[in-house]
Amino acid sequence: MWLTIGYADVWCASTTANINDRSMTGIRDSEVAMRIVDTDVVETTMYDEPWRAGRFAHNLRMYG
């Protein structure tokens, strides 16, 4: 199961990682995580203010 989160449409992370001792030691439970920082920006608004957002993170939030 993948969990994908975004932060202010600037970057997003997608992960299978669990936050627990078994996952963090790196020897028993293999997990994967990635952080995506998009340099392709789109002009949009956030809280009714102009905002420059990464295209991937913005589309992920808008269209899921």
PDB file of N, CA and C in Angstrom:
ATOM      1  N   MET A   1       0.843  -1.173   0.000  1.00  0.00           N
ATOM      2  CA  MET A   1       0.000   0.000   0.000  1.00  0.00           C
ATOM      3  C   MET A   1       0.892   1.241   0.000  1.00  0.00           C
ATOM      4  N   TRP A   2       0.625   2.166  -0.905  1.00  0.00           N
ATOM      5  CA  TRP A   2       1.400   3.399  -1.030  1.00  0.00           C
ATOM      6  C   TRP A   2       0.649   4.553  -0.390  1.00  0.00           C
ATOM      7  N   LEU A   3       1.387   5.421   0.258  1.00  0.00           N
ATOM      8  CA  LEU A   3       0.855   6.653   0.810  1.00  0.00           C
ATOM      9  C   LEU A   3       1.547   7.796   0.094  1.00  0.00           C
ATOM     10  N   THR A   4       0.783   8.720  -0.442  1.00  0.00           N
ATOM     11  CA  THR A   4       1.358   9.873  -1.124  1.00  0.00           C
ATOM     12  C   THR A   4       0.844  11.131  -0.462  1.00  0.00           C
ATOM     13  N   ILE A   5       1.766  12.017  -0.094  1.00  0.00           N
ATOM     14  CA  ILE A   5       1.407  13.281   0.530  1.00  0.00           C
ATOM     15  C   ILE A   5       2.045  14.417  -0.240  1.00  0.00           C
ATOM     16  N   GLY A   6       1.475  15.575  -0.133  1.00  0.00           N
ATOM     17  CA  GLY A   6       2.033  16.758  -0.771  1.00  0.00           C
ATOM     18  C   GLY A   6       2.213  17.866   0.244  1.00  0.00           C
ATOM     19  N   TYR A   7       3.099  18.785  -0.060  1.00  0.00           N
ATOM     20  CA  TYR A   7       3.320  19.922   0.823  1.00  0.00           C
ATOM     21  C   TYR A   7       3.248  21.198   0.010  1.00  0.00           C
ATOM     22  N   ALA A   8       2.197  21.954   0.187  1.00  0.00           N
ATOM     23  CA  ALA A   8       2.018  23.277  -0.433  1.00  0.00           C
ATOM     24  C   ALA A   8       2.230  23.248  -1.938  1.00  0.00           C
ATOM     25  N   ASP A   9       1.969  22.126  -2.563  1.00  0.00           N
ATOM     26  CA  ASP A   9       2.140  21.953  -4.008  1.00  0.00           C
ATOM     27  C   ASP A   9       3.567  22.239  -4.471  1.00  0.00           C
ATOM     28  N   VAL A  10       4.537  22.143  -3.575  1.00  0.00           N
ATOM     29  CA  VAL A  10       5.933  22.363  -3.939  1.00  0.00           C
ATOM     30  C   VAL A  10       6.648  21.023  -4.083  1.00  0.00           C
ATOM     31  N   TRP A  11       6.410  20.102  -3.158  1.00  0.00           N
ATOM     32  CA  TRP A  11       6.992  18.767  -3.269  1.00  0.00           C
ATOM     33  C   TRP A  11       5.988  17.753  -2.744  1.00  0.00           C
ATOM     34  N   CYS A  12       6.208  16.499  -3.088  1.00  0.00           N
ATOM     35  CA  CYS A  12       5.364  15.442  -2.543  1.00  0.00           C
ATOM     36  C   CYS A  12       6.238  14.229  -2.250  1.00  0.00           C
ATOM     37  N   ALA A  13       5.733  13.359  -1.420  1.00  0.00           N
ATOM     38  CA  ALA A  13       6.437  12.137  -1.055  1.00  0.00           C
ATOM     39  C   ALA A  13       5.497  10.968  -1.247  1.00  0.00           C
ATOM     40  N   SER A  14       6.051   9.884  -1.726  1.00  0.00           N
ATOM     41  CA  SER A  14       5.283   8.663  -1.889  1.00  0.00           C
ATOM     42  C   SER A  14       6.069   7.551  -1.212  1.00  0.00           C
ATOM     43  N   THR A  15       5.398   6.762  -0.381  1.00  0.00           N
ATOM     44  CA  THR A  15       6.133   5.814   0.446  1.00  0.00           C
ATOM     45  C   THR A  15       5.312   4.583   0.804  1.00  0.00           C
ATOM     46  N   THR A  16       6.010   3.502   1.041  1.00  0.00           N
ATOM     47  CA  THR A  16       5.410   2.318   1.661  1.00  0.00           C
ATOM     48  C   THR A  16       5.918   2.187   3.078  1.00  0.00           C
ATOM     49  N   ALA A  17       6.823   3.091   3.472  1.00  0.00           N
ATOM     50  CA  ALA A  17       7.516   2.960   4.753  1.00  0.00           C
ATOM     51  C   ALA A  17       6.576   3.134   5.940  1.00  0.00           C
ATOM     52  N   ASN A  18       6.824   2.345   6.948  1.00  0.00           N
ATOM     53  CA  ASN A  18       6.153   2.467   8.234  1.00  0.00           C
ATOM     54  C   ASN A  18       7.097   3.175   9.190  1.00  0.00           C
ATOM     55  N   ILE A  19       6.563   3.987  10.035  1.00  0.00           N
ATOM     56  CA  ILE A  19       7.400   4.658  11.027  1.00  0.00           C
ATOM     57  C   ILE A  19       7.375   3.807  12.293  1.00  0.00           C
ATOM     58  N   ASN A  20       8.287   2.858  12.348  1.00  0.00           N
ATOM     59  CA  ASN A  20       8.409   2.019  13.541  1.00  0.00           C
ATOM     60  C   ASN A  20       9.827   1.460  13.597  1.00  0.00           C
ATOM     61  N   ASP A  21      10.177   0.850  14.686  1.00  0.00           N
ATOM     62  CA  ASP A  21      11.526   0.318  14.888  1.00  0.00           C
ATOM     63  C   ASP A  21      11.897  -0.707  13.824  1.00  0.00           C
ATOM     64  N   ARG A  22      10.981  -1.561  13.471  1.00  0.00           N
ATOM     65  CA  ARG A  22      11.260  -2.626  12.506  1.00  0.00           C
ATOM     66  C   ARG A  22      11.664  -2.063  11.151  1.00  0.00           C
ATOM     67  N   SER A  23      11.038  -0.959  10.726  1.00  0.00           N
ATOM     68  CA  SER A  23      11.342  -0.362   9.434  1.00  0.00           C
ATOM     69  C   SER A  23      12.584   0.507   9.467  1.00  0.00           C
ATOM     70  N   MET A  24      12.849   1.154  10.584  1.00  0.00           N
ATOM     71  CA  MET A  24      13.939   2.124  10.640  1.00  0.00           C
ATOM     72  C   MET A  24      15.319   1.497  10.825  1.00  0.00           C
ATOM     73  N   THR A  25      15.395   0.245  11.293  1.00  0.00           N
ATOM     74  CA  THR A  25      16.705  -0.361  11.498  1.00  0.00           C
ATOM     75  C   THR A  25      17.363  -0.732  10.182  1.00  0.00           C
ATOM     76  N   GLY A  26      16.576  -0.989   9.143  1.00  0.00           N
ATOM     77  CA  GLY A  26      17.127  -1.280   7.830  1.00  0.00           C
ATOM     78  C   GLY A  26      17.617  -2.699   7.628  1.00  0.00           C
ATOM     79  N   ILE A  27      17.402  -3.588   8.604  1.00  0.00           N
ATOM     80  CA  ILE A  27      17.889  -4.954   8.429  1.00  0.00           C
ATOM     81  C   ILE A  27      16.776  -5.999   8.395  1.00  0.00           C
ATOM     82  N   ARG A  28      15.560  -5.626   8.771  1.00  0.00           N
ATOM     83  CA  ARG A  28      14.505  -6.633   8.841  1.00  0.00           C
ATOM     84  C   ARG A  28      13.343  -6.396   7.897  1.00  0.00           C
ATOM     85  N   ASP A  29      12.993  -5.171   7.633  1.00  0.00           N
ATOM     86  CA  ASP A  29      11.757  -4.874   6.918  1.00  0.00           C
ATOM     87  C   ASP A  29      12.076  -3.907   5.783  1.00  0.00           C
ATOM     88  N   SER A  30      12.075  -4.377   4.565  1.00  0.00           N
ATOM     89  CA  SER A  30      12.433  -3.498   3.445  1.00  0.00           C
ATOM     90  C   SER A  30      11.255  -2.598   3.082  1.00  0.00           C
ATOM     91  N   GLU A  31      11.538  -1.333   2.916  1.00  0.00           N
ATOM     92  CA  GLU A  31      10.544  -0.331   2.563  1.00  0.00           C
ATOM     93  C   GLU A  31      11.150   0.581   1.512  1.00  0.00           C
ATOM     94  N   VAL A  32      10.307   1.363   0.861  1.00  0.00           N
ATOM     95  CA  VAL A  32      10.797   2.317  -0.133  1.00  0.00           C
ATOM     96  C   VAL A  32      10.060   3.639   0.061  1.00  0.00           C
ATOM     97  N   ALA A  33      10.778   4.720  -0.171  1.00  0.00           N
ATOM     98  CA  ALA A  33      10.177   6.046  -0.092  1.00  0.00           C
ATOM     99  C   ALA A  33      10.862   6.939  -1.102  1.00  0.00           C
ATOM    100  N   MET A  34      10.118   7.897  -1.658  1.00  0.00           N
ATOM    101  CA  MET A  34      10.721   8.851  -2.580  1.00  0.00           C
ATOM    102  C   MET A  34      10.123  10.230  -2.350  1.00  0.00           C
ATOM    103  N   ARG A  35      10.946  11.228  -2.553  1.00  0.00           N
ATOM    104  CA  ARG A  35      10.509  12.614  -2.464  1.00  0.00           C
ATOM    105  C   ARG A  35      10.637  13.201  -3.861  1.00  0.00           C
ATOM    106  N   ILE A  36       9.587  13.859  -4.316  1.00  0.00           N
ATOM    107  CA  ILE A  36       9.555  14.421  -5.660  1.00  0.00           C
ATOM    108  C   ILE A  36       9.492  15.933  -5.543  1.00  0.00           C
ATOM    109  N   VAL A  37      10.507  16.599  -6.091  1.00  0.00           N
ATOM    110  CA  VAL A  37      10.533  18.057  -6.145  1.00  0.00           C
ATOM    111  C   VAL A  37      10.438  18.430  -7.614  1.00  0.00           C
ATOM    112  N   ASP A  38       9.381  19.110  -7.980  1.00  0.00           N
ATOM    113  CA  ASP A  38       9.093  19.427  -9.380  1.00  0.00           C
ATOM    114  C   ASP A  38       9.583  20.826  -9.722  1.00  0.00           C
ATOM    115  N   THR A  39      10.369  20.945 -10.777  1.00  0.00           N
ATOM    116  CA  THR A  39      10.850  22.260 -11.217  1.00  0.00           C
ATOM    117  C   THR A  39       9.960  22.858 -12.302  1.00  0.00           C
ATOM    118  N   ASP A  40       9.013  22.075 -12.814  1.00  0.00           N
ATOM    119  CA  ASP A  40       8.042  22.576 -13.790  1.00  0.00           C
ATOM    120  C   ASP A  40       6.896  23.210 -12.998  1.00  0.00           C
ATOM    121  N   VAL A  41       6.813  24.537 -12.986  1.00  0.00           N
ATOM    122  CA  VAL A  41       5.830  25.214 -12.143  1.00  0.00           C
ATOM    123  C   VAL A  41       4.640  25.717 -12.945  1.00  0.00           C
ATOM    124  N   VAL A  42       3.512  25.827 -12.263  1.00  0.00           N
ATOM    125  CA  VAL A  42       2.291  26.390 -12.827  1.00  0.00           C
ATOM    126  C   VAL A  42       1.845  27.538 -11.931  1.00  0.00           C
ATOM    127  N   GLU A  43       1.243  28.533 -12.524  1.00  0.00           N
ATOM    128  CA  GLU A  43       0.681  29.657 -11.759  1.00  0.00           C
ATOM    129  C   GLU A  43      -0.706  29.247 -11.283  1.00  0.00           C
ATOM    130  N   THR A  44      -0.931  29.353  -9.981  1.00  0.00           N
ATOM    131  CA  THR A  44      -2.217  28.984  -9.399  1.00  0.00           C
ATOM    132  C   THR A  44      -2.477  29.900  -8.208  1.00  0.00           C
ATOM    133  N   THR A  45      -3.422  29.557  -7.379  1.00  0.00           N
ATOM    134  CA  THR A  45      -3.667  30.319  -6.153  1.00  0.00           C
ATOM    135  C   THR A  45      -3.702  29.375  -4.973  1.00  0.00           C
ATOM    136  N   MET A  46      -3.329  29.903  -3.811  1.00  0.00           N
ATOM    137  CA  MET A  46      -3.463  29.172  -2.557  1.00  0.00           C
ATOM    138  C   MET A  46      -3.973  30.173  -1.527  1.00  0.00           C
ATOM    139  N   TYR A  47      -5.092  29.840  -0.908  1.00  0.00           N
ATOM    140  CA  TYR A  47      -5.760  30.757   0.027  1.00  0.00           C
ATOM    141  C   TYR A  47      -6.020  32.109  -0.634  1.00  0.00           C
ATOM    142  N   ASP A  48      -6.469  32.057  -1.885  1.00  0.00           N
ATOM    143  CA  ASP A  48      -6.821  33.243  -2.684  1.00  0.00           C
ATOM    144  C   ASP A  48      -5.648  34.171  -2.951  1.00  0.00           C
ATOM    145  N   GLU A  49      -4.424  33.670  -2.828  1.00  0.00           N
ATOM    146  CA  GLU A  49      -3.216  34.436  -3.144  1.00  0.00           C
ATOM    147  C   GLU A  49      -2.499  33.767  -4.308  1.00  0.00           C
ATOM    148  N   PRO A  50      -1.828  34.551  -5.158  1.00  0.00           N
ATOM    149  CA  PRO A  50      -1.054  33.943  -6.252  1.00  0.00           C
ATOM    150  C   PRO A  50       0.004  32.984  -5.701  1.00  0.00           C
ATOM    151  N   TRP A  51       0.207  31.863  -6.396  1.00  0.00           N
ATOM    152  CA  TRP A  51       1.124  30.842  -5.921  1.00  0.00           C
ATOM    153  C   TRP A  51       1.756  30.122  -7.102  1.00  0.00           C
ATOM    154  N   ARG A  52       3.039  29.834  -6.996  1.00  0.00           N
ATOM    155  CA  ARG A  52       3.737  29.031  -8.002  1.00  0.00           C
ATOM    156  C   ARG A  52       3.892  27.627  -7.442  1.00  0.00           C
ATOM    157  N   ALA A  53       3.273  26.671  -8.099  1.00  0.00           N
ATOM    158  CA  ALA A  53       3.253  25.298  -7.598  1.00  0.00           C
ATOM    159  C   ALA A  53       3.943  24.369  -8.584  1.00  0.00           C
ATOM    160  N   GLY A  54       4.542  23.307  -8.065  1.00  0.00           N
ATOM    161  CA  GLY A  54       5.069  22.259  -8.929  1.00  0.00           C
ATOM    162  C   GLY A  54       3.914  21.567  -9.641  1.00  0.00           C
ATOM    163  N   ARG A  55       4.053  21.352 -10.936  1.00  0.00           N
ATOM    164  CA  ARG A  55       2.956  20.775 -11.732  1.00  0.00           C
ATOM    165  C   ARG A  55       2.521  19.406 -11.208  1.00  0.00           C
ATOM    166  N   PHE A  56       3.459  18.521 -10.895  1.00  0.00           N
ATOM    167  CA  PHE A  56       3.112  17.177 -10.432  1.00  0.00           C
ATOM    168  C   PHE A  56       2.369  17.224  -9.099  1.00  0.00           C
ATOM    169  N   ALA A  57       2.919  17.954  -8.124  1.00  0.00           N
ATOM    170  CA  ALA A  57       2.281  18.036  -6.809  1.00  0.00           C
ATOM    171  C   ALA A  57       0.907  18.708  -6.903  1.00  0.00           C
ATOM    172  N   HIS A  58       0.807  19.752  -7.703  1.00  0.00           N
ATOM    173  CA  HIS A  58      -0.479  20.444  -7.871  1.00  0.00           C
ATOM    174  C   HIS A  58      -1.521  19.518  -8.497  1.00  0.00           C
ATOM    175  N   ASN A  59      -1.146  18.816  -9.562  1.00  0.00           N
ATOM    176  CA  ASN A  59      -2.097  17.913 -10.209  1.00  0.00           C
ATOM    177  C   ASN A  59      -2.473  16.749  -9.306  1.00  0.00           C
ATOM    178  N   LEU A  60      -1.544  16.283  -8.492  1.00  0.00           N
ATOM    179  CA  LEU A  60      -1.835  15.211  -7.547  1.00  0.00           C
ATOM    180  C   LEU A  60      -2.900  15.674  -6.546  1.00  0.00           C
ATOM    181  N   ARG A  61      -2.759  16.889  -6.034  1.00  0.00           N
ATOM    182  CA  ARG A  61      -3.737  17.406  -5.075  1.00  0.00           C
ATOM    183  C   ARG A  61      -5.085  17.675  -5.736  1.00  0.00           C
ATOM    184  N   MET A  62      -5.069  18.241  -6.942  1.00  0.00           N
ATOM    185  CA  MET A  62      -6.319  18.618  -7.590  1.00  0.00           C
ATOM    186  C   MET A  62      -7.094  17.422  -8.155  1.00  0.00           C
ATOM    187  N   TYR A  63      -6.366  16.465  -8.713  1.00  0.00           N
ATOM    188  CA  TYR A  63      -7.046  15.380  -9.455  1.00  0.00           C
ATOM    189  C   TYR A  63      -6.798  14.005  -8.870  1.00  0.00           C
ATOM    190  N   GLY A  64      -5.994  13.941  -7.809  1.00  0.00           N
ATOM    191  CA  GLY A  64      -5.768  12.742  -7.030  1.00  0.00           C
ATOM    192  C   GLY A  64      -5.336  11.548  -7.760  1.00  0.00           C
TER     193      GLY A  64
END
